Amino acid sequence: MSSTASSIAGFTIVPLKYSATATHNLYVRAHTGAKPVGLPQGRTLFLNNVPPDATERELGALFGTYGTIERVAFPLAGSESRDRDAMDEDDEEEKTNPHIQGKKRKLGKGSKAKSASVPTKPPKVIPLPASTARVIRHSGGSAHIVFLDTSSYNRCLSSIPPSKPIPWPPANLKNPEPRGLANLLAQYHSSRPTFEAALAHAESAILAFDWQLQKDKRQQKSQYHKGEEIVDEDGFTLVVRGGAYGQSVGGGIGVTSKRFELNASTGKDLDSEEKESFYAFQIREKNLKDHATLRKQFEEDKKKVEEMRKQRAFVPY
């Protein structure tokens, strides 16, 4: 390292030794800035030019010699994105359940039995078996190392660059993920699950789809079914016109409102157009007017024909 540069553009160079003839340079510096969110300054390292096949366990073992690692974060990948998706699903369920619970009304015994048989939560989809193959990322990618305490973070910054290249993958890593041909075989087998696993995943996905389809049908039916309360997303009952016996239910003036909207959009009154030929004298006057128009058109055409004949007459001199 004495004959080569140990830093460049604010990054400290950490050489990783793949073999006797192959070395990969990892660039390390302290993390600064407010983004990504959730990475504390003073305990986080920013890594650039991370090996494309590096895993969280391998980077944790590489920097774990300097102190306790809290977590390793890859951008838009890894467990953080899966956790974020799971949190989004939980939020959707929390929004859905209060809406369902807010529709409280008096039901008969048959209705209670029917509502009890309908699950309020969607069936969970059984996932396919997780792949044991490592994720191959783009070359020149980045990552963040978050230490548990500041002392470990400072110890790491003061210890790099090392005096000689560090073996890669780390020698202190137990049960590493497969590499090379073994990794390709793991990808092959993970993309071809067993029949039982595929069947369980397909059946659970169909059940979840049917549940969502029935839910959409119930919601669409309740919007136009007279006698059912209209409840908003927050669970409050909406008071609308057309309720029977003073109840705040839907389905009261749907036909009238649609006709009014159609008249407003076209700018015409459909009722007035329909009443033009309603009485007998209106029909008689309309027929007389049409007959006079046809007769006038016939006389004009007759004059045009006479003029054309005169123009075609033979004149010998």
C-alpha atoms as a PDB file:
ATOM      1  CA  MET A   1       0.000   0.000   0.000  1.00  0.00           C
ATOM      2  CA  SER A   2       2.957   2.302   0.452  1.00  0.00           C
ATOM      3  CA  SER A   3       3.631   2.368  -3.298  1.00  0.00           C
ATOM      4  CA  THR A   4       0.024   3.082  -4.251  1.00  0.00           C
ATOM      5  CA  ALA A   5      -2.470   5.763  -3.260  1.00  0.00           C
ATOM      6  CA  SER A   6      -4.471   5.092  -0.088  1.00  0.00           C
ATOM      7  CA  SER A   7      -7.280   7.581  -0.780  1.00  0.00           C
ATOM      8  CA  ILE A   8      -8.996   9.277  -3.684  1.00  0.00           C
ATOM      9  CA  ALA A   9     -11.670  12.010  -3.797  1.00  0.00           C
ATOM     10  CA  GLY A  10     -12.315  11.725  -0.063  1.00  0.00           C
ATOM     11  CA  PHE A  11     -12.632   7.918  -0.124  1.00  0.00           C
ATOM     12  CA  THR A  12     -10.241   5.539   1.603  1.00  0.00           C
ATOM     13  CA  ILE A  13      -9.210   2.620  -0.621  1.00  0.00           C
ATOM     14  CA  VAL A  14      -9.678  -0.848   0.925  1.00  0.00           C
ATOM     15  CA  PRO A  15      -8.254  -3.545  -1.413  1.00  0.00           C
ATOM     16  CA  LEU A  16     -10.061  -6.900  -1.437  1.00  0.00           C
ATOM     17  CA  LYS A  17      -8.067  -9.927  -2.591  1.00  0.00           C
ATOM     18  CA  TYR A  18     -10.030 -12.425  -4.694  1.00  0.00           C
ATOM     19  CA  SER A  19      -6.958 -14.437  -5.642  1.00  0.00           C
ATOM     20  CA  ALA A  20      -3.229 -14.028  -5.983  1.00  0.00           C
ATOM     21  CA  THR A  21      -3.685 -12.088  -9.226  1.00  0.00           C
ATOM     22  CA  ALA A  22      -7.132 -10.445  -8.765  1.00  0.00           C
ATOM     23  CA  THR A  23      -7.763  -7.480  -6.446  1.00  0.00           C
ATOM     24  CA  HIS A  24     -10.934  -5.396  -6.071  1.00  0.00           C
ATOM     25  CA  ASN A  25     -10.809  -1.866  -4.614  1.00  0.00           C
ATOM     26  CA  LEU A  26     -13.549  -0.909  -2.149  1.00  0.00           C
ATOM     27  CA  TYR A  27     -13.963   2.828  -1.472  1.00  0.00           C
ATOM     28  CA  VAL A  28     -15.002   3.835   2.068  1.00  0.00           C
ATOM     29  CA  ARG A  29     -15.827   7.174   3.680  1.00  0.00           C
ATOM     30  CA  ALA A  30     -17.990   8.555   6.479  1.00  0.00           C
ATOM     31  CA  HIS A  31     -21.672   8.942   5.653  1.00  0.00           C
ATOM     32  CA  THR A  32     -22.869  12.552   5.405  1.00  0.00           C
ATOM     33  CA  GLY A  33     -26.209  14.060   4.490  1.00  0.00           C
ATOM     34  CA  ALA A  34     -29.809  13.468   5.519  1.00  0.00           C
ATOM     35  CA  LYS A  35     -30.563  10.914   2.803  1.00  0.00           C
ATOM     36  CA  PRO A  36     -31.198   8.018   2.858  1.00  0.00           C
ATOM     37  CA  VAL A  37     -33.499   8.481   5.846  1.00  0.00           C
ATOM     38  CA  GLY A  38     -32.750   6.435   8.949  1.00  0.00           C
ATOM     39  CA  LEU A  39     -28.947   6.336   8.631  1.00  0.00           C
ATOM     40  CA  PRO A  40     -27.414   8.127  11.637  1.00  0.00           C
ATOM     41  CA  GLN A  41     -24.365  10.281  11.098  1.00  0.00           C
ATOM     42  CA  GLY A  42     -21.389   9.449  13.301  1.00  0.00           C
ATOM     43  CA  ARG A  43     -22.114   5.698  13.125  1.00  0.00           C
ATOM     44  CA  THR A  44     -22.541   5.049   9.386  1.00  0.00           C
ATOM     45  CA  LEU A  45     -19.982   4.288   6.670  1.00  0.00           C
ATOM     46  CA  PHE A  46     -20.655   4.777   2.976  1.00  0.00           C
ATOM     47  CA  LEU A  47     -19.185   2.118   0.671  1.00  0.00           C
ATOM     48  CA  ASN A  48     -18.756   2.509  -3.074  1.00  0.00           C
ATOM     49  CA  ASN A  49     -17.679   0.021  -5.745  1.00  0.00           C
ATOM     50  CA  VAL A  50     -19.072  -2.841  -3.667  1.00  0.00           C
ATOM     51  CA  PRO A  51     -18.470  -6.301  -5.209  1.00  0.00           C
ATOM     52  CA  PRO A  52     -21.539  -7.213  -7.297  1.00  0.00           C
ATOM     53  CA  ASP A  53     -21.995 -10.549  -5.500  1.00  0.00           C
ATOM     54  CA  ALA A  54     -21.470  -9.185  -1.974  1.00  0.00           C
ATOM     55  CA  THR A  55     -24.113 -10.032   0.637  1.00  0.00           C
ATOM     56  CA  GLU A  56     -25.091  -8.376   3.906  1.00  0.00           C
ATOM     57  CA  ARG A  57     -23.440 -11.174   5.887  1.00  0.00           C
ATOM     58  CA  GLU A  58     -20.167 -10.819   3.983  1.00  0.00           C
ATOM     59  CA  LEU A  59     -19.960  -7.039   4.455  1.00  0.00           C
ATOM     60  CA  GLY A  60     -20.950  -7.461   8.095  1.00  0.00           C
ATOM     61  CA  ALA A  61     -18.168 -10.001   8.600  1.00  0.00           C
ATOM     62  CA  LEU A  62     -15.665  -7.741   6.790  1.00  0.00           C
ATOM     63  CA  PHE A  63     -16.276  -4.717   9.043  1.00  0.00           C
ATOM     64  CA  GLY A  64     -17.337  -6.720  12.088  1.00  0.00           C
ATOM     65  CA  THR A  65     -13.695  -7.019  13.142  1.00  0.00           C
ATOM     66  CA  TYR A  66     -13.769  -3.327  14.144  1.00  0.00           C
ATOM     67  CA  GLY A  67     -16.933  -3.496  16.259  1.00  0.00           C
ATOM     68  CA  THR A  68     -20.567  -4.530  16.419  1.00  0.00           C
ATOM     69  CA  ILE A  69     -22.549  -3.990  13.216  1.00  0.00           C
ATOM     70  CA  GLU A  70     -26.153  -2.862  13.649  1.00  0.00           C
ATOM     71  CA  ARG A  71     -27.183  -3.412  10.040  1.00  0.00           C
ATOM     72  CA  VAL A  72     -26.043  -3.359   6.417  1.00  0.00           C
ATOM     73  CA  ALA A  73     -28.220  -1.434   3.946  1.00  0.00           C
ATOM     74  CA  PHE A  74     -28.226  -1.799   0.160  1.00  0.00           C
ATOM     75  CA  PRO A  75     -30.114   0.836  -1.892  1.00  0.00           C
ATOM     76  CA  LEU A  76     -33.559  -0.341  -3.081  1.00  0.00           C
ATOM     77  CA  ALA A  77     -32.818  -3.972  -2.292  1.00  0.00           C
ATOM     78  CA  GLY A  78     -32.513  -6.439   0.536  1.00  0.00           C
ATOM     79  CA  SER A  79     -34.644  -6.888   3.593  1.00  0.00           C
ATOM     80  CA  GLU A  80     -35.537  -3.192   3.921  1.00  0.00           C
ATOM     81  CA  SER A  81     -37.686  -3.197   0.790  1.00  0.00           C
ATOM     82  CA  ARG A  82     -39.431  -6.392   1.926  1.00  0.00           C
ATOM     83  CA  ASP A  83     -40.065  -4.901   5.360  1.00  0.00           C
ATOM     84  CA  ARG A  84     -41.410  -1.734   3.723  1.00  0.00           C
ATOM     85  CA  ASP A  85     -43.806  -3.795   1.602  1.00  0.00           C
ATOM     86  CA  ALA A  86     -44.966  -5.704   4.668  1.00  0.00           C
ATOM     87  CA  MET A  87     -45.576  -2.432   6.520  1.00  0.00           C
ATOM     88  CA  ASP A  88     -47.608  -1.130   3.578  1.00  0.00           C
ATOM     89  CA  GLU A  89     -49.761  -4.273   3.634  1.00  0.00           C
ATOM     90  CA  ASP A  90     -50.355  -3.863   7.370  1.00  0.00           C
ATOM     91  CA  ASP A  91     -51.375  -0.234   6.832  1.00  0.00           C
ATOM     92  CA  GLU A  92     -53.862  -1.271   4.156  1.00  0.00           C
ATOM     93  CA  GLU A  93     -55.393  -3.841   6.506  1.00  0.00           C
ATOM     94  CA  GLU A  94     -55.648  -1.256   9.288  1.00  0.00           C
ATOM     95  CA  LYS A  95     -57.447   1.113   6.918  1.00  0.00           C
ATOM     96  CA  THR A  96     -59.771  -1.636   5.730  1.00  0.00           C
ATOM     97  CA  ASN A  97     -60.797  -3.065   9.102  1.00  0.00           C
ATOM     98  CA  PRO A  98     -62.136   0.159  10.700  1.00  0.00           C
ATOM     99  CA  HIS A  99     -64.173   0.769   7.553  1.00  0.00           C
ATOM    100  CA  ILE A 100     -65.744  -2.664   7.861  1.00  0.00           C
ATOM    101  CA  GLN A 101     -66.286  -2.341  11.595  1.00  0.00           C
ATOM    102  CA  GLY A 102     -67.937   1.069  11.121  1.00  0.00           C
ATOM    103  CA  LYS A 103     -70.876  -0.453   9.234  1.00  0.00           C
ATOM    104  CA  LYS A 104     -72.836  -1.395  12.340  1.00  0.00           C
ATOM    105  CA  ARG A 105     -76.565  -1.865  12.039  1.00  0.00           C
ATOM    106  CA  LYS A 106     -79.238  -4.136  13.415  1.00  0.00           C
ATOM    107  CA  LEU A 107     -79.234  -7.511  11.720  1.00  0.00           C
ATOM    108  CA  GLY A 108     -81.390 -10.567  12.059  1.00  0.00           C
ATOM    109  CA  LYS A 109     -80.147 -13.946  13.124  1.00  0.00           C
ATOM    110  CA  GLY A 110     -79.701 -15.059   9.533  1.00  0.00           C
ATOM    111  CA  SER A 111     -77.744 -11.930   8.666  1.00  0.00           C
ATOM    112  CA  LYS A 112     -75.446 -12.376  11.676  1.00  0.00           C
ATOM    113  CA  ALA A 113     -74.688 -15.938  10.682  1.00  0.00           C
ATOM    114  CA  LYS A 114     -74.012 -14.843   7.110  1.00  0.00           C
ATOM    115  CA  SER A 115     -71.732 -11.972   8.115  1.00  0.00           C
ATOM    116  CA  ALA A 116     -69.831 -14.190  10.542  1.00  0.00           C
ATOM    117  CA  SER A 117     -69.006 -16.643   7.740  1.00  0.00           C
ATOM    118  CA  VAL A 118     -67.422 -13.909   5.594  1.00  0.00           C
ATOM    119  CA  PRO A 119     -63.793 -13.251   6.673  1.00  0.00           C
ATOM    120  CA  THR A 120     -62.960  -9.602   7.244  1.00  0.00           C
ATOM    121  CA  LYS A 121     -59.286 -10.050   6.352  1.00  0.00           C
ATOM    122  CA  PRO A 122     -58.019 -11.308   2.996  1.00  0.00           C
ATOM    123  CA  PRO A 123     -56.539 -14.814   2.966  1.00  0.00           C
ATOM    124  CA  LYS A 124     -52.769 -14.785   3.121  1.00  0.00           C
ATOM    125  CA  VAL A 125     -50.943 -15.896   0.009  1.00  0.00           C
ATOM    126  CA  ILE A 126     -48.499 -18.700   0.754  1.00  0.00           C
ATOM    127  CA  PRO A 127     -45.200 -17.577  -0.801  1.00  0.00           C
ATOM    128  CA  LEU A 128     -42.966 -19.808  -2.842  1.00  0.00           C
ATOM    129  CA  PRO A 129     -39.826 -21.131  -1.135  1.00  0.00           C
ATOM    130  CA  ALA A 130     -37.190 -18.436  -0.722  1.00  0.00           C
ATOM    131  CA  SER A 131     -34.149 -18.640  -2.938  1.00  0.00           C
ATOM    132  CA  THR A 132     -30.815 -19.519  -1.351  1.00  0.00           C
ATOM    133  CA  ALA A 133     -28.875 -17.994  -4.245  1.00  0.00           C
ATOM    134  CA  ARG A 134     -27.062 -14.722  -3.729  1.00  0.00           C
ATOM    135  CA  VAL A 135     -28.283 -11.545  -5.419  1.00  0.00           C
ATOM    136  CA  ILE A 136     -25.999 -10.294  -8.186  1.00  0.00           C
ATOM    137  CA  ARG A 137     -26.125  -6.488  -8.261  1.00  0.00           C
ATOM    138  CA  HIS A 138     -24.755  -3.972 -10.725  1.00  0.00           C
ATOM    139  CA  SER A 139     -21.035  -3.365 -10.828  1.00  0.00           C
ATOM    140  CA  GLY A 140     -19.905  -0.278  -8.920  1.00  0.00           C
ATOM    141  CA  GLY A 141     -22.834  -0.366  -6.502  1.00  0.00           C
ATOM    142  CA  SER A 142     -22.965   1.179  -3.035  1.00  0.00           C
ATOM    143  CA  ALA A 143     -23.974   0.204   0.504  1.00  0.00           C
ATOM    144  CA  HIS A 144     -24.085   1.601   4.051  1.00  0.00           C
ATOM    145  CA  ILE A 145     -22.613   0.048   7.197  1.00  0.00           C
ATOM    146  CA  VAL A 146     -24.275   1.170  10.451  1.00  0.00           C
ATOM    147  CA  PHE A 147     -22.277   0.477  13.635  1.00  0.00           C
ATOM    148  CA  LEU A 148     -23.959  -0.042  16.976  1.00  0.00           C
ATOM    149  CA  ASP A 149     -21.848   2.595  18.760  1.00  0.00           C
ATOM    150  CA  THR A 150     -19.586   5.509  17.914  1.00  0.00           C
ATOM    151  CA  SER A 151     -16.437   3.862  19.306  1.00  0.00           C
ATOM    152  CA  SER A 152     -16.644   1.017  16.779  1.00  0.00           C
ATOM    153  CA  TYR A 153     -17.220   3.546  14.011  1.00  0.00           C
ATOM    154  CA  ASN A 154     -14.154   5.599  14.985  1.00  0.00           C
ATOM    155  CA  ARG A 155     -12.037   2.453  15.374  1.00  0.00           C
ATOM    156  CA  CYS A 156     -12.893   1.418  11.820  1.00  0.00           C
ATOM    157  CA  LEU A 157     -12.014   4.810  10.326  1.00  0.00           C
ATOM    158  CA  SER A 158      -8.688   4.892  12.162  1.00  0.00           C
ATOM    159  CA  SER A 159      -7.772   1.321  11.103  1.00  0.00           C
ATOM    160  CA  ILE A 160      -8.260   1.693   7.366  1.00  0.00           C
ATOM    161  CA  PRO A 161      -6.608   1.393   4.933  1.00  0.00           C
ATOM    162  CA  PRO A 162      -5.136  -1.982   5.948  1.00  0.00           C
ATOM    163  CA  SER A 163      -1.463  -2.759   5.502  1.00  0.00           C
ATOM    164  CA  LYS A 164      -2.225  -5.498   2.964  1.00  0.00           C
ATOM    165  CA  PRO A 165      -5.229  -6.585   0.886  1.00  0.00           C
ATOM    166  CA  ILE A 166      -8.024  -8.304   2.823  1.00  0.00           C
ATOM    167  CA  PRO A 167      -9.062 -11.781   1.596  1.00  0.00           C
ATOM    168  CA  TRP A 168     -12.473 -11.868  -0.051  1.00  0.00           C
ATOM    169  CA  PRO A 169     -14.841 -13.405   0.883  1.00  0.00           C
ATOM    170  CA  PRO A 170     -13.968 -12.887   4.572  1.00  0.00           C
ATOM    171  CA  ALA A 171     -12.325 -15.877   6.197  1.00  0.00           C
ATOM    172  CA  ASN A 172     -14.315 -15.449   9.443  1.00  0.00           C
ATOM    173  CA  LEU A 173     -17.680 -15.970   7.696  1.00  0.00           C
ATOM    174  CA  LYS A 174     -19.430 -19.245   8.561  1.00  0.00           C
ATOM    175  CA  ASN A 175     -21.710 -21.048   6.097  1.00  0.00           C
ATOM    176  CA  PRO A 176     -21.337 -18.546   3.240  1.00  0.00           C
ATOM    177  CA  GLU A 177     -23.837 -18.350   0.412  1.00  0.00           C
ATOM    178  CA  PRO A 178     -22.999 -20.424  -2.682  1.00  0.00           C
ATOM    179  CA  ARG A 179     -20.757 -18.896  -5.315  1.00  0.00           C
ATOM    180  CA  GLY A 180     -19.988 -19.630  -8.944  1.00  0.00           C
ATOM    181  CA  LEU A 181     -21.483 -22.861 -10.254  1.00  0.00           C
ATOM    182  CA  ALA A 182     -23.113 -23.629  -6.898  1.00  0.00           C
ATOM    183  CA  ASN A 183     -24.910 -20.275  -7.051  1.00  0.00           C
ATOM    184  CA  LEU A 184     -26.184 -20.995 -10.570  1.00  0.00           C
ATOM    185  CA  LEU A 185     -27.482 -24.381  -9.421  1.00  0.00           C
ATOM    186  CA  ALA A 186     -29.230 -22.727  -6.470  1.00  0.00           C
ATOM    187  CA  GLN A 187     -30.901 -20.254  -8.846  1.00  0.00           C
ATOM    188  CA  TYR A 188     -31.979 -23.130 -11.092  1.00  0.00           C
ATOM    189  CA  HIS A 189     -33.565 -25.121  -8.266  1.00  0.00           C
ATOM    190  CA  SER A 190     -35.225 -22.086  -6.641  1.00  0.00           C
ATOM    191  CA  SER A 191     -36.907 -21.168  -9.944  1.00  0.00           C
ATOM    192  CA  ARG A 192     -38.397 -24.689 -10.126  1.00  0.00           C
ATOM    193  CA  PRO A 193     -40.261 -25.291  -6.851  1.00  0.00           C
ATOM    194  CA  THR A 194     -41.884 -28.594  -5.971  1.00  0.00           C
ATOM    195  CA  PHE A 195     -45.407 -29.414  -7.071  1.00  0.00           C
ATOM    196  CA  GLU A 196     -46.729 -29.177  -3.503  1.00  0.00           C
ATOM    197  CA  ALA A 197     -45.232 -25.703  -2.984  1.00  0.00           C
ATOM    198  CA  ALA A 198     -46.522 -24.410  -6.328  1.00  0.00           C
ATOM    199  CA  LEU A 199     -49.995 -25.866  -5.656  1.00  0.00           C
ATOM    200  CA  ALA A 200     -50.223 -24.277  -2.198  1.00  0.00           C
ATOM    201  CA  HIS A 201     -49.121 -20.907  -3.609  1.00  0.00           C
ATOM    202  CA  ALA A 202     -51.600 -21.065  -6.505  1.00  0.00           C
ATOM    203  CA  GLU A 203     -54.562 -22.098  -4.335  1.00  0.00           C
ATOM    204  CA  SER A 204     -53.881 -19.386  -1.752  1.00  0.00           C
ATOM    205  CA  ALA A 205     -53.527 -16.777  -4.510  1.00  0.00           C
ATOM    206  CA  ILE A 206     -56.871 -17.847  -6.024  1.00  0.00           C
ATOM    207  CA  LEU A 207     -58.565 -17.632  -2.615  1.00  0.00           C
ATOM    208  CA  ALA A 208     -57.170 -14.131  -2.095  1.00  0.00           C
ATOM    209  CA  PHE A 209     -58.343 -13.084  -5.569  1.00  0.00           C
ATOM    210  CA  ASP A 210     -61.853 -14.481  -4.971  1.00  0.00           C
ATOM    211  CA  TRP A 211     -62.035 -12.703  -1.611  1.00  0.00           C
ATOM    212  CA  GLN A 212     -61.121  -9.368  -3.202  1.00  0.00           C
ATOM    213  CA  LEU A 213     -63.609  -9.970  -6.038  1.00  0.00           C
ATOM    214  CA  GLN A 214     -66.450 -10.685  -3.607  1.00  0.00           C
ATOM    215  CA  LYS A 215     -65.510  -7.632  -1.559  1.00  0.00           C
ATOM    216  CA  ASP A 216     -65.666  -5.383  -4.633  1.00  0.00           C
ATOM    217  CA  LYS A 217     -69.047  -6.842  -5.572  1.00  0.00           C
ATOM    218  CA  ARG A 218     -70.424  -6.225  -2.082  1.00  0.00           C
ATOM    219  CA  GLN A 219     -69.195  -2.636  -2.100  1.00  0.00           C
ATOM    220  CA  GLN A 220     -70.617  -1.976  -5.573  1.00  0.00           C
ATOM    221  CA  LYS A 221     -73.947  -3.531  -4.601  1.00  0.00           C
ATOM    222  CA  SER A 222     -74.165  -1.531  -1.394  1.00  0.00           C
ATOM    223  CA  GLN A 223     -73.718   1.744  -3.296  1.00  0.00           C
ATOM    224  CA  TYR A 224     -77.003   1.267  -5.208  1.00  0.00           C
ATOM    225  CA  HIS A 225     -78.975  -0.948  -2.830  1.00  0.00           C
ATOM    226  CA  LYS A 226     -81.829   0.942  -1.254  1.00  0.00           C
ATOM    227  CA  GLY A 227     -82.049   0.539   2.487  1.00  0.00           C
ATOM    228  CA  GLU A 228     -78.321   0.247   3.232  1.00  0.00           C
ATOM    229  CA  GLU A 229     -76.343   2.931   4.966  1.00  0.00           C
ATOM    230  CA  ILE A 230     -73.599   4.764   3.081  1.00  0.00           C
ATOM    231  CA  VAL A 231     -70.410   4.805   5.163  1.00  0.00           C
ATOM    232  CA  ASP A 232     -67.285   6.778   4.264  1.00  0.00           C
ATOM    233  CA  GLU A 233     -63.661   5.691   4.703  1.00  0.00           C
ATOM    234  CA  ASP A 234     -63.557   6.946   8.299  1.00  0.00           C
ATOM    235  CA  GLY A 235     -66.592   4.902   9.316  1.00  0.00           C
ATOM    236  CA  PHE A 236     -69.069   7.809   9.539  1.00  0.00           C
ATOM    237  CA  THR A 237     -72.588   7.390   8.143  1.00  0.00           C
ATOM    238  CA  LEU A 238     -73.351   9.867   5.348  1.00  0.00           C
ATOM    239  CA  VAL A 239     -76.733  11.631   5.331  1.00  0.00           C
ATOM    240  CA  VAL A 240     -78.104  11.838   1.770  1.00  0.00           C
ATOM    241  CA  ARG A 241     -81.457  12.574   0.122  1.00  0.00           C
ATOM    242  CA  GLY A 242     -83.928   9.869  -0.767  1.00  0.00           C
ATOM    243  CA  GLY A 243     -83.949   7.886   2.469  1.00  0.00           C
ATOM    244  CA  ALA A 244     -87.118   6.029   3.359  1.00  0.00           C
ATOM    245  CA  TYR A 245     -88.721   7.071   6.661  1.00  0.00           C
ATOM    246  CA  GLY A 246     -85.986   9.617   7.301  1.00  0.00           C
ATOM    247  CA  GLN A 247     -83.127   7.087   7.123  1.00  0.00           C
ATOM    248  CA  SER A 248     -79.797   8.084   5.614  1.00  0.00           C
ATOM    249  CA  VAL A 249     -79.731   5.415   2.929  1.00  0.00           C
ATOM    250  CA  GLY A 250     -78.947   5.416  -0.764  1.00  0.00           C
ATOM    251  CA  GLY A 251     -80.933   4.670  -3.904  1.00  0.00           C
ATOM    252  CA  GLY A 252     -83.568   7.405  -3.594  1.00  0.00           C
ATOM    253  CA  ILE A 253     -83.203   9.791  -6.552  1.00  0.00           C
ATOM    254  CA  GLY A 254     -80.769   8.022  -8.836  1.00  0.00           C
ATOM    255  CA  VAL A 255     -82.959   8.142 -11.986  1.00  0.00           C
ATOM    256  CA  THR A 256     -83.852  11.829 -11.635  1.00  0.00           C
ATOM    257  CA  SER A 257     -80.287  12.908 -11.014  1.00  0.00           C
ATOM    258  CA  LYS A 258     -78.997  10.966 -14.028  1.00  0.00           C
ATOM    259  CA  ARG A 259     -81.571  12.599 -16.317  1.00  0.00           C
ATOM    260  CA  PHE A 260     -80.690  16.021 -14.966  1.00  0.00           C
ATOM    261  CA  GLU A 261     -76.968  15.396 -15.575  1.00  0.00           C
ATOM    262  CA  LEU A 262     -77.705  14.265 -19.144  1.00  0.00           C
ATOM    263  CA  ASN A 263     -79.698  17.433 -19.872  1.00  0.00           C
ATOM    264  CA  ALA A 264     -76.950  19.586 -18.365  1.00  0.00           C
ATOM    265  CA  SER A 265     -74.192  17.876 -20.385  1.00  0.00           C
ATOM    266  CA  THR A 266     -76.026  18.139 -23.744  1.00  0.00           C
ATOM    267  CA  GLY A 267     -77.456  21.605 -23.097  1.00  0.00           C
ATOM    268  CA  LYS A 268     -80.890  20.478 -24.291  1.00  0.00           C
ATOM    269  CA  ASP A 269     -84.140  19.697 -22.562  1.00  0.00           C
ATOM    270  CA  LEU A 270     -85.118  16.162 -23.560  1.00  0.00           C
ATOM    271  CA  ASP A 271     -88.665  16.581 -22.294  1.00  0.00           C
ATOM    272  CA  SER A 272     -89.341  19.594 -24.559  1.00  0.00           C
ATOM    273  CA  GLU A 273     -88.071  17.694 -27.613  1.00  0.00           C
ATOM    274  CA  GLU A 274     -90.277  14.745 -26.886  1.00  0.00           C
ATOM    275  CA  LYS A 275     -93.432  16.957 -26.619  1.00  0.00           C
ATOM    276  CA  GLU A 276     -93.093  18.605 -30.065  1.00  0.00           C
ATOM    277  CA  SER A 277     -95.196  15.896 -31.806  1.00  0.00           C
ATOM    278  CA  PHE A 278     -97.385  14.986 -28.893  1.00  0.00           C
ATOM    279  CA  TYR A 279    -100.775  16.510 -29.988  1.00  0.00           C
ATOM    280  CA  ALA A 280    -102.712  15.785 -33.213  1.00  0.00           C
ATOM    281  CA  PHE A 281    -102.641  19.378 -34.486  1.00  0.00           C
ATOM    282  CA  GLN A 282     -98.837  19.417 -34.036  1.00  0.00           C
ATOM    283  CA  ILE A 283     -98.536  16.325 -36.226  1.00  0.00           C
ATOM    284  CA  ARG A 284    -100.884  17.849 -38.877  1.00  0.00           C
ATOM    285  CA  GLU A 285     -98.964  21.137 -38.980  1.00  0.00           C
ATOM    286  CA  LYS A 286     -95.681  19.306 -39.253  1.00  0.00           C
ATOM    287  CA  ASN A 287     -96.961  17.253 -42.221  1.00  0.00           C
ATOM    288  CA  LEU A 288     -98.239  20.375 -44.020  1.00  0.00           C
ATOM    289  CA  LYS A 289     -94.920  22.125 -43.517  1.00  0.00           C
ATOM    290  CA  ASP A 290     -93.003  19.134 -44.883  1.00  0.00           C
ATOM    291  CA  HIS A 291     -95.356  18.923 -47.918  1.00  0.00           C
ATOM    292  CA  ALA A 292     -94.882  22.628 -48.707  1.00  0.00           C
ATOM    293  CA  THR A 293     -91.125  22.258 -48.466  1.00  0.00           C
ATOM    294  CA  LEU A 294     -91.137  19.313 -50.878  1.00  0.00           C
ATOM    295  CA  ARG A 295     -93.377  21.150 -53.382  1.00  0.00           C
ATOM    296  CA  LYS A 296     -91.152  24.220 -53.333  1.00  0.00           C
ATOM    297  CA  GLN A 297     -88.087  22.061 -53.904  1.00  0.00           C
ATOM    298  CA  PHE A 298     -89.842  20.311 -56.821  1.00  0.00           C
ATOM    299  CA  GLU A 299     -90.670  23.610 -58.563  1.00  0.00           C
ATOM    300  CA  GLU A 300     -87.075  24.833 -58.193  1.00  0.00           C
ATOM    301  CA  ASP A 301     -85.728  21.603 -59.676  1.00  0.00           C
ATOM    302  CA  LYS A 302     -88.225  21.846 -62.557  1.00  0.00           C
ATOM    303  CA  LYS A 303     -86.979  25.344 -63.474  1.00  0.00           C
ATOM    304  CA  LYS A 304     -83.373  24.153 -63.434  1.00  0.00           C
ATOM    305  CA  VAL A 305     -84.217  21.328 -65.858  1.00  0.00           C
ATOM    306  CA  GLU A 306     -85.918  23.743 -68.318  1.00  0.00           C
ATOM    307  CA  GLU A 307     -82.889  26.039 -68.291  1.00  0.00           C
ATOM    308  CA  MET A 308     -80.567  23.129 -68.997  1.00  0.00           C
ATOM    309  CA  ARG A 309     -82.702  22.066 -71.993  1.00  0.00           C
ATOM    310  CA  LYS A 310     -82.586  25.559 -73.499  1.00  0.00           C
ATOM    311  CA  GLN A 311     -78.810  25.683 -73.218  1.00  0.00           C
ATOM    312  CA  ARG A 312     -78.475  22.382 -75.111  1.00  0.00           C
ATOM    313  CA  ALA A 313     -80.820  23.419 -78.024  1.00  0.00           C
ATOM    314  CA  PHE A 314     -79.286  23.181 -81.584  1.00  0.00           C
ATOM    315  CA  VAL A 315     -78.696  26.602 -83.227  1.00  0.00           C
ATOM    316  CA  PRO A 316     -77.833  26.218 -87.010  1.00  0.00           C
ATOM    317  CA  TYR A 317     -76.761  29.861 -87.474  1.00  0.00           C
END
